């Protein structure tokens, strides 16, 4: 089976964009006509996929929005996952990370049962704890590095002294990038790097030239697109040299909330607004298609 990075590059070439369609369905922020219930959430997600998939290189459901409904929410997520064609990578935004025995079952739950192509994970347990994810050669793990939330510097910005392995004095997120670049048996690990910190993104890319980046924070969080397209694509193997360079820029609310003021009795207008937002973001995040 093709590697995750190969499948991502192929899909990115099809749409000519690094847009990742985020599914963060807040029941309190659904458009008119969609009840604030699990049924409303599922129906809205299916509409988002129907109109947004033609423009997306990948899809990223945030598991917490489904887990909040209990087992019924997980069942809805499984149905939503099943509706996405196999050619489109699906990233389970789960932010997992635990000791190895627990991580092994998490890998089964997310990769085998849910059918995710990639996940997000926390590096706090180190490479040993994430090995059950990293050893899955046809899947991918995006490790949290420099997140997009305003309080991220509380820990991620702490200084770290130079070490005996040659790493310079740097901040925690830079050391994470440096260490993670050596993880994974060739192309199974990347980084989550927020668009709200373009200077840090540039430095992280210098420390990890071959890793795929998943970049949240554009759209509603206000991150600029230009630095992402300039510094986000990988410049070395394994992610470099492919269409998109292993880059994905996630947009959730910037698309989903485009239909909030659509007419209650005009589903066509709602679909057109959502499709237009997805199309515009795809164009904004366009990349050259490599031969």
Foldseek 3Di string as FASTA:
>chain_A
DDAPLVLLLVLCLQQLFQAEEEQQQQLVQAAFPQHSDLRSSLVLLVLLCVLQVSLHSAYEYECVSQCVVPPVSVVSLLVSLVVDDPSRAYEYADQAWDAQVVLLVVCCVVCPVSNHQEYEYECPVHLRRNVSQLAPRRHAYAYEQQDLDPPRCPQQQCWDPQDPVGRHTGGNSLVVLLRCLPDHPFQRYAYEHELNCLVVLQSSCVNRQAGAYEYEQPAPNPRDQVSCLVRHARCDPDQPPGWVNNYHYYDYCQQRNQQRPPDNPCVVSSSVSSSVSSNVVSVSRGTDHDD
